[in-house]
Amino acid sequence: MQAPPIIAHRTCPLDAPENSLAGINVAAESGADAVEIDLRLSLDGEPFLMHDWLMRRTAGFPLPVELTPAFLIRRQRLRDGGAPVPSLSDALDALPAGLGLAVDLKTPWAAGALLREVERRGLADRVRIWCTSARAVRYVVRRAPAIECAYLKGVTAAAAKTRFLDRAVELGAGAVSAHWQAIDGDFVTAAHAAGLRVYSWHSRYDLTPAKLTAGLDGLITDRPAAARRAYADLV
């Protein structure tokens, strides 16, 4: 069975520091089709790669990106490897040719800075944007209709899944990013019927044949090479 696009979650944190330039290269070397980063906006409006609200876990700094000026963020070093906390500009400079980029927008109001940089570099056809904020989805869809924007929620109950898809359509999203436990053939079929592509991060859950054959449009994984082998083994 042909695999859907394989997206390296959080720059391959099992093999490189998460949200790092080194991890972007690891994603490319491992055969991923795209790499996912998390984006937050500094106090003075510069986008940086960081998953958590606080920088403590990955950079040892006790403040949030959103309450820290860019010059101070640039002084922080990732605990694993000691590289600087990368900015969005750093990440785009490091993005290998042919590798797609999925951006999980952790700070909703970072959308404007993200779109300006993507458009300035002409990368709209290589970028996907995932938002938990309905307002951010609306903004991205209105401001940059050529860029695929997915509504991201962790719902798993049947009724909640239906509402999730309805809301994504209402917002004008082109895709959804759904919890692995929400993925089955009926859910993906319903999403496709509504004009939505479907992505999911399998986290530590097993890559079962039922999930892999559900019709995903993109698999998000910490192990790109293993995920590709799992699809190959379905033949």
C-alpha atoms as a PDB file:
ATOM      1  CA  MET A   1       0.000   0.000   0.000  1.00  0.00           C
ATOM      2  CA  GLN A   2       1.294   3.451  -0.882  1.00  0.00           C
ATOM      3  CA  ALA A   3       1.910   5.565   2.192  1.00  0.00           C
ATOM      4  CA  PRO A   4       0.361   9.017   2.538  1.00  0.00           C
ATOM      5  CA  PRO A   5       2.771  11.893   3.212  1.00  0.00           C
ATOM      6  CA  ILE A   6       4.880  11.060   6.279  1.00  0.00           C
ATOM      7  CA  ILE A   7       5.349  14.098   8.515  1.00  0.00           C
ATOM      8  CA  ALA A   8       8.135  14.095  11.104  1.00  0.00           C
ATOM      9  CA  HIS A   9       6.597  15.221  14.382  1.00  0.00           C
ATOM     10  CA  ARG A  10       8.336  18.034  16.278  1.00  0.00           C
ATOM     11  CA  THR A  11      11.595  17.551  14.281  1.00  0.00           C
ATOM     12  CA  CYS A  12      12.164  13.899  15.232  1.00  0.00           C
ATOM     13  CA  PRO A  13      12.590  14.294  19.028  1.00  0.00           C
ATOM     14  CA  LEU A  14      13.794  10.688  19.449  1.00  0.00           C
ATOM     15  CA  ASP A  15      16.851  11.389  17.303  1.00  0.00           C
ATOM     16  CA  ALA A  16      17.468  15.146  17.704  1.00  0.00           C
ATOM     17  CA  PRO A  17      16.410  18.012  19.976  1.00  0.00           C
ATOM     18  CA  GLU A  18      12.752  18.819  19.424  1.00  0.00           C
ATOM     19  CA  ASN A  19      12.015  21.966  17.408  1.00  0.00           C
ATOM     20  CA  SER A  20      15.624  22.200  16.316  1.00  0.00           C
ATOM     21  CA  LEU A  21      17.524  22.827  13.098  1.00  0.00           C
ATOM     22  CA  ALA A  22      19.335  19.523  13.600  1.00  0.00           C
ATOM     23  CA  GLY A  23      15.966  17.783  13.801  1.00  0.00           C
ATOM     24  CA  ILE A  24      14.839  19.312  10.518  1.00  0.00           C
ATOM     25  CA  ASN A  25      17.838  17.704   8.843  1.00  0.00           C
ATOM     26  CA  VAL A  26      17.177  14.396  10.593  1.00  0.00           C
ATOM     27  CA  ALA A  27      13.601  14.471   9.245  1.00  0.00           C
ATOM     28  CA  ALA A  28      14.911  14.832   5.704  1.00  0.00           C
ATOM     29  CA  GLU A  29      17.532  12.101   6.192  1.00  0.00           C
ATOM     30  CA  SER A  30      14.923   9.697   7.591  1.00  0.00           C
ATOM     31  CA  GLY A  31      12.807   9.959   4.445  1.00  0.00           C
ATOM     32  CA  ALA A  32      10.000  12.150   5.774  1.00  0.00           C
ATOM     33  CA  ASP A  33       7.958  14.110   3.248  1.00  0.00           C
ATOM     34  CA  ALA A  34       7.542  17.022   5.652  1.00  0.00           C
ATOM     35  CA  VAL A  35       8.634  18.135   9.101  1.00  0.00           C
ATOM     36  CA  GLU A  36       6.414  19.594  11.806  1.00  0.00           C
ATOM     37  CA  ILE A  37       7.404  22.505  14.033  1.00  0.00           C
ATOM     38  CA  ASP A  38       5.629  24.363  16.844  1.00  0.00           C
ATOM     39  CA  LEU A  39       5.521  28.148  16.583  1.00  0.00           C
ATOM     40  CA  ARG A  40       5.234  30.813  19.269  1.00  0.00           C
ATOM     41  CA  LEU A  41       5.605  34.595  19.104  1.00  0.00           C
ATOM     42  CA  SER A  42       8.004  36.580  21.288  1.00  0.00           C
ATOM     43  CA  LEU A  43       6.922  39.588  23.317  1.00  0.00           C
ATOM     44  CA  ASP A  44       8.121  41.883  20.538  1.00  0.00           C
ATOM     45  CA  GLY A  45       6.614  39.909  17.685  1.00  0.00           C
ATOM     46  CA  GLU A  46       9.284  37.491  16.406  1.00  0.00           C
ATOM     47  CA  PRO A  47       8.294  33.838  15.804  1.00  0.00           C
ATOM     48  CA  PHE A  48      10.353  31.093  17.458  1.00  0.00           C
ATOM     49  CA  LEU A  49      10.159  27.302  17.535  1.00  0.00           C
ATOM     50  CA  MET A  50       8.872  26.108  20.909  1.00  0.00           C
ATOM     51  CA  HIS A  51       6.186  23.614  21.920  1.00  0.00           C
ATOM     52  CA  ASP A  52       5.537  24.361  25.586  1.00  0.00           C
ATOM     53  CA  TRP A  53       4.140  27.556  27.051  1.00  0.00           C
ATOM     54  CA  LEU A  54       7.251  27.777  29.251  1.00  0.00           C
ATOM     55  CA  MET A  55      10.762  27.381  27.839  1.00  0.00           C
ATOM     56  CA  ARG A  56      11.889  25.487  30.967  1.00  0.00           C
ATOM     57  CA  ARG A  57      11.652  21.896  29.709  1.00  0.00           C
ATOM     58  CA  THR A  58      13.618  22.287  26.475  1.00  0.00           C
ATOM     59  CA  ALA A  59      15.749  25.388  27.128  1.00  0.00           C
ATOM     60  CA  GLY A  60      15.917  25.665  30.925  1.00  0.00           C
ATOM     61  CA  PHE A  61      14.410  29.170  30.940  1.00  0.00           C
ATOM     62  CA  PRO A  62      11.420  29.759  33.253  1.00  0.00           C
ATOM     63  CA  LEU A  63       9.436  32.287  31.161  1.00  0.00           C
ATOM     64  CA  PRO A  64       7.006  31.858  28.258  1.00  0.00           C
ATOM     65  CA  VAL A  65       8.127  32.862  24.761  1.00  0.00           C
ATOM     66  CA  GLU A  66       5.151  35.236  24.620  1.00  0.00           C
ATOM     67  CA  LEU A  67       6.454  37.219  27.628  1.00  0.00           C
ATOM     68  CA  THR A  68      10.116  37.253  26.567  1.00  0.00           C
ATOM     69  CA  PRO A  69      11.742  39.679  24.078  1.00  0.00           C
ATOM     70  CA  ALA A  70      13.469  38.158  21.068  1.00  0.00           C
ATOM     71  CA  PHE A  71      16.973  39.224  22.079  1.00  0.00           C
ATOM     72  CA  LEU A  72      16.661  37.231  25.315  1.00  0.00           C
ATOM     73  CA  ILE A  73      15.204  34.159  23.589  1.00  0.00           C
ATOM     74  CA  ARG A  74      18.197  34.157  21.244  1.00  0.00           C
ATOM     75  CA  ARG A  75      20.486  33.786  24.275  1.00  0.00           C
ATOM     76  CA  GLN A  76      18.793  30.551  25.372  1.00  0.00           C
ATOM     77  CA  ARG A  77      20.193  27.165  24.418  1.00  0.00           C
ATOM     78  CA  LEU A  78      18.359  23.901  23.944  1.00  0.00           C
ATOM     79  CA  ARG A  79      19.154  21.467  26.767  1.00  0.00           C
ATOM     80  CA  ASP A  80      19.856  18.656  24.324  1.00  0.00           C
ATOM     81  CA  GLY A  81      22.851  19.740  22.270  1.00  0.00           C
ATOM     82  CA  GLY A  82      23.211  23.371  23.291  1.00  0.00           C
ATOM     83  CA  ALA A  83      22.062  24.937  20.011  1.00  0.00           C
ATOM     84  CA  PRO A  84      20.194  28.268  20.168  1.00  0.00           C
ATOM     85  CA  VAL A  85      16.391  28.275  20.232  1.00  0.00           C
ATOM     86  CA  PRO A  86      15.677  28.680  16.499  1.00  0.00           C
ATOM     87  CA  SER A  87      13.541  31.399  15.005  1.00  0.00           C
ATOM     88  CA  LEU A  88      11.126  30.750  12.158  1.00  0.00           C
ATOM     89  CA  SER A  89      13.588  32.463   9.838  1.00  0.00           C
ATOM     90  CA  ASP A  90      16.338  30.079  10.991  1.00  0.00           C
ATOM     91  CA  ALA A  91      14.077  27.089  10.339  1.00  0.00           C
ATOM     92  CA  LEU A  92      13.125  28.225   6.852  1.00  0.00           C
ATOM     93  CA  ASP A  93      16.775  28.908   6.035  1.00  0.00           C
ATOM     94  CA  ALA A  94      17.579  25.334   7.127  1.00  0.00           C
ATOM     95  CA  LEU A  95      14.648  23.642   5.346  1.00  0.00           C
ATOM     96  CA  PRO A  96      16.114  21.197   2.810  1.00  0.00           C
ATOM     97  CA  ALA A  97      14.921  21.415  -0.777  1.00  0.00           C
ATOM     98  CA  GLY A  98      11.829  19.289  -1.332  1.00  0.00           C
ATOM     99  CA  LEU A  99      10.944  18.908   2.359  1.00  0.00           C
ATOM    100  CA  GLY A 100       7.509  20.222   3.309  1.00  0.00           C
ATOM    101  CA  LEU A 101       6.797  22.128   6.510  1.00  0.00           C
ATOM    102  CA  ALA A 102       3.833  21.734   8.845  1.00  0.00           C
ATOM    103  CA  VAL A 103       3.441  24.520  11.401  1.00  0.00           C
ATOM    104  CA  ASP A 104       1.465  23.936  14.601  1.00  0.00           C
ATOM    105  CA  LEU A 105       0.506  27.486  15.541  1.00  0.00           C
ATOM    106  CA  LYS A 106       0.761  27.547  19.332  1.00  0.00           C
ATOM    107  CA  THR A 107       0.420  31.341  19.549  1.00  0.00           C
ATOM    108  CA  PRO A 108      -2.661  32.182  17.446  1.00  0.00           C
ATOM    109  CA  TRP A 109      -1.544  35.768  16.856  1.00  0.00           C
ATOM    110  CA  ALA A 110       1.693  34.494  15.305  1.00  0.00           C
ATOM    111  CA  ALA A 111      -0.312  33.769  12.146  1.00  0.00           C
ATOM    112  CA  GLY A 112       0.446  37.137  10.572  1.00  0.00           C
ATOM    113  CA  ALA A 113       4.209  36.881  11.062  1.00  0.00           C
ATOM    114  CA  LEU A 114       4.174  33.301   9.753  1.00  0.00           C
ATOM    115  CA  LEU A 115       2.244  34.170   6.613  1.00  0.00           C
ATOM    116  CA  ARG A 116       4.424  37.176   5.827  1.00  0.00           C
ATOM    117  CA  GLU A 117       7.578  35.075   6.003  1.00  0.00           C
ATOM    118  CA  VAL A 118       6.123  32.193   3.999  1.00  0.00           C
ATOM    119  CA  GLU A 119       4.859  34.531   1.304  1.00  0.00           C
ATOM    120  CA  ARG A 120       8.114  36.492   1.192  1.00  0.00           C
ATOM    121  CA  ARG A 121       9.990  33.261   0.490  1.00  0.00           C
ATOM    122  CA  GLY A 122       7.429  31.858  -1.937  1.00  0.00           C
ATOM    123  CA  LEU A 123       6.858  28.713   0.136  1.00  0.00           C
ATOM    124  CA  ALA A 124       3.056  28.583   0.149  1.00  0.00           C
ATOM    125  CA  ASP A 125       3.011  25.292  -1.769  1.00  0.00           C
ATOM    126  CA  ARG A 126       5.333  23.613   0.776  1.00  0.00           C
ATOM    127  CA  VAL A 127       3.650  24.756   3.984  1.00  0.00           C
ATOM    128  CA  ARG A 128       0.693  23.450   5.971  1.00  0.00           C
ATOM    129  CA  ILE A 129      -0.667  25.321   8.998  1.00  0.00           C
ATOM    130  CA  TRP A 130      -2.447  23.615  11.912  1.00  0.00           C
ATOM    131  CA  CYS A 131      -4.439  25.667  14.439  1.00  0.00           C
ATOM    132  CA  THR A 132      -6.400  24.832  17.573  1.00  0.00           C
ATOM    133  CA  SER A 133      -7.743  28.407  17.523  1.00  0.00           C
ATOM    134  CA  ALA A 134     -10.865  28.896  15.411  1.00  0.00           C
ATOM    135  CA  ARG A 135     -10.014  32.573  15.024  1.00  0.00           C
ATOM    136  CA  ALA A 136      -6.554  31.707  13.697  1.00  0.00           C
ATOM    137  CA  VAL A 137      -8.068  29.292  11.167  1.00  0.00           C
ATOM    138  CA  ARG A 138     -10.412  31.997   9.917  1.00  0.00           C
ATOM    139  CA  TYR A 139      -7.541  34.455   9.625  1.00  0.00           C
ATOM    140  CA  VAL A 140      -5.269  32.090   7.700  1.00  0.00           C
ATOM    141  CA  VAL A 141      -8.053  30.990   5.338  1.00  0.00           C
ATOM    142  CA  ARG A 142      -9.000  34.592   4.595  1.00  0.00           C
ATOM    143  CA  ARG A 143      -5.470  35.977   4.383  1.00  0.00           C
ATOM    144  CA  ALA A 144      -3.783  33.092   2.515  1.00  0.00           C
ATOM    145  CA  PRO A 145      -6.303  30.796   0.799  1.00  0.00           C
ATOM    146  CA  ALA A 146      -3.520  29.071  -1.159  1.00  0.00           C
ATOM    147  CA  ILE A 147      -2.029  27.651   2.051  1.00  0.00           C
ATOM    148  CA  GLU A 148      -3.683  24.566   3.486  1.00  0.00           C
ATOM    149  CA  CYS A 149      -4.974  25.264   6.986  1.00  0.00           C
ATOM    150  CA  ALA A 150      -6.144  22.470   9.285  1.00  0.00           C
ATOM    151  CA  TYR A 151      -8.333  22.777  12.360  1.00  0.00           C
ATOM    152  CA  LEU A 152      -6.729  20.752  15.174  1.00  0.00           C
ATOM    153  CA  LYS A 153      -8.669  19.160  18.043  1.00  0.00           C
ATOM    154  CA  GLY A 154      -8.222  16.094  20.250  1.00  0.00           C
ATOM    155  CA  VAL A 155     -11.825  14.880  20.347  1.00  0.00           C
ATOM    156  CA  THR A 156     -12.567  11.151  20.188  1.00  0.00           C
ATOM    157  CA  ALA A 157     -16.272  10.678  21.014  1.00  0.00           C
ATOM    158  CA  ALA A 158     -18.583  10.077  18.048  1.00  0.00           C
ATOM    159  CA  ALA A 159     -20.771  13.146  18.524  1.00  0.00           C
ATOM    160  CA  ALA A 160     -17.760  15.367  19.178  1.00  0.00           C
ATOM    161  CA  LYS A 161     -16.088  14.103  15.999  1.00  0.00           C
ATOM    162  CA  THR A 162     -19.141  15.085  13.960  1.00  0.00           C
ATOM    163  CA  ARG A 163     -19.192  18.550  15.521  1.00  0.00           C
ATOM    164  CA  PHE A 164     -15.467  18.845  14.897  1.00  0.00           C
ATOM    165  CA  LEU A 165     -15.872  18.237  11.171  1.00  0.00           C
ATOM    166  CA  ASP A 166     -18.856  20.587  10.967  1.00  0.00           C
ATOM    167  CA  ARG A 167     -16.885  23.319  12.702  1.00  0.00           C
ATOM    168  CA  ALA A 168     -13.893  22.837  10.408  1.00  0.00           C
ATOM    169  CA  VAL A 169     -16.141  23.271   7.379  1.00  0.00           C
ATOM    170  CA  GLU A 170     -17.760  26.335   8.923  1.00  0.00           C
ATOM    171  CA  LEU A 171     -14.327  27.899   9.481  1.00  0.00           C
ATOM    172  CA  GLY A 172     -13.310  27.260   5.884  1.00  0.00           C
ATOM    173  CA  ALA A 173     -10.468  24.892   6.812  1.00  0.00           C
ATOM    174  CA  GLY A 174      -9.063  22.638   4.134  1.00  0.00           C
ATOM    175  CA  ALA A 175      -8.143  19.869   6.566  1.00  0.00           C
ATOM    176  CA  VAL A 176      -8.373  18.570  10.111  1.00  0.00           C
ATOM    177  CA  SER A 177      -5.672  17.243  12.402  1.00  0.00           C
ATOM    178  CA  ALA A 178      -7.360  14.648  14.595  1.00  0.00           C
ATOM    179  CA  HIS A 179      -6.502  12.446  17.568  1.00  0.00           C
ATOM    180  CA  TRP A 180      -5.234   8.995  16.600  1.00  0.00           C
ATOM    181  CA  GLN A 181      -8.074   7.390  18.556  1.00  0.00           C
ATOM    182  CA  ALA A 182     -10.560   9.312  16.409  1.00  0.00           C
ATOM    183  CA  ILE A 183      -9.251   7.788  13.202  1.00  0.00           C
ATOM    184  CA  ASP A 184     -11.312   5.124  11.470  1.00  0.00           C
ATOM    185  CA  GLY A 185     -12.653   4.617   7.984  1.00  0.00           C
ATOM    186  CA  ASP A 186     -16.008   6.236   8.725  1.00  0.00           C
ATOM    187  CA  PHE A 187     -14.432   9.386  10.158  1.00  0.00           C
ATOM    188  CA  VAL A 188     -12.020   9.808   7.258  1.00  0.00           C
ATOM    189  CA  THR A 189     -14.775   9.128   4.721  1.00  0.00           C
ATOM    190  CA  ALA A 190     -17.009  11.740   6.358  1.00  0.00           C
ATOM    191  CA  ALA A 191     -14.161  14.259   6.370  1.00  0.00           C
ATOM    192  CA  HIS A 192     -13.400  13.651   2.709  1.00  0.00           C
ATOM    193  CA  ALA A 193     -17.087  13.988   1.835  1.00  0.00           C
ATOM    194  CA  ALA A 194     -16.993  17.403   3.527  1.00  0.00           C
ATOM    195  CA  GLY A 195     -13.950  18.421   1.473  1.00  0.00           C
ATOM    196  CA  LEU A 196     -11.454  18.030   4.322  1.00  0.00           C
ATOM    197  CA  ARG A 197      -8.117  16.240   4.316  1.00  0.00           C
ATOM    198  CA  VAL A 198      -7.216  14.297   7.467  1.00  0.00           C
ATOM    199  CA  TYR A 199      -3.934  14.224   9.407  1.00  0.00           C
ATOM    200  CA  SER A 200      -3.169  12.450  12.662  1.00  0.00           C
ATOM    201  CA  TRP A 201      -0.257  11.969  15.071  1.00  0.00           C
ATOM    202  CA  HIS A 202      -0.085   8.378  16.279  1.00  0.00           C
ATOM    203  CA  SER A 203       2.019   9.307  19.353  1.00  0.00           C
ATOM    204  CA  ARG A 204       2.773   6.042  21.160  1.00  0.00           C
ATOM    205  CA  TYR A 205      -0.238   4.232  19.752  1.00  0.00           C
ATOM    206  CA  ASP A 206       0.323   1.224  17.518  1.00  0.00           C
ATOM    207  CA  LEU A 207       0.302   1.618  13.744  1.00  0.00           C
ATOM    208  CA  THR A 208      -2.442  -0.951  13.249  1.00  0.00           C
ATOM    209  CA  PRO A 209      -3.606  -1.978   9.769  1.00  0.00           C
ATOM    210  CA  ALA A 210      -7.087  -0.603  10.507  1.00  0.00           C
ATOM    211  CA  LYS A 211      -5.670   2.855  11.186  1.00  0.00           C
ATOM    212  CA  LEU A 212      -3.147   2.777   8.350  1.00  0.00           C
ATOM    213  CA  THR A 213      -5.810   1.804   5.807  1.00  0.00           C
ATOM    214  CA  ALA A 214      -8.398   4.331   7.027  1.00  0.00           C
ATOM    215  CA  GLY A 215      -7.448   6.767   4.255  1.00  0.00           C
ATOM    216  CA  LEU A 216      -5.296   9.338   6.036  1.00  0.00           C
ATOM    217  CA  ASP A 217      -3.906  12.209   3.980  1.00  0.00           C
ATOM    218  CA  GLY A 218      -0.870  12.500   6.228  1.00  0.00           C
ATOM    219  CA  LEU A 219       0.649  10.521   9.101  1.00  0.00           C
ATOM    220  CA  ILE A 220       2.471  12.492  11.807  1.00  0.00           C
ATOM    221  CA  THR A 221       5.124  10.447  13.572  1.00  0.00           C
ATOM    222  CA  ASP A 222       8.269  10.540  15.693  1.00  0.00           C
ATOM    223  CA  ARG A 223       9.601   7.624  13.598  1.00  0.00           C
ATOM    224  CA  PRO A 224       9.285   8.431   9.868  1.00  0.00           C
ATOM    225  CA  ALA A 225      11.293   5.450   8.633  1.00  0.00           C
ATOM    226  CA  ALA A 226       9.318   3.007  10.814  1.00  0.00           C
ATOM    227  CA  ALA A 227       6.022   4.499   9.673  1.00  0.00           C
ATOM    228  CA  ARG A 228       6.981   4.074   6.033  1.00  0.00           C
ATOM    229  CA  ARG A 229       7.952   0.448   6.709  1.00  0.00           C
ATOM    230  CA  ALA A 230       4.586  -0.140   8.377  1.00  0.00           C
ATOM    231  CA  TYR A 231       2.827   0.927   5.194  1.00  0.00           C
ATOM    232  CA  ALA A 232       5.154  -1.179   3.059  1.00  0.00           C
ATOM    233  CA  ASP A 233       4.364  -4.212   5.217  1.00  0.00           C
ATOM    234  CA  LEU A 234       0.662  -3.938   4.334  1.00  0.00           C
ATOM    235  CA  VAL A 235       1.355  -5.131   0.788  1.00  0.00           C
END
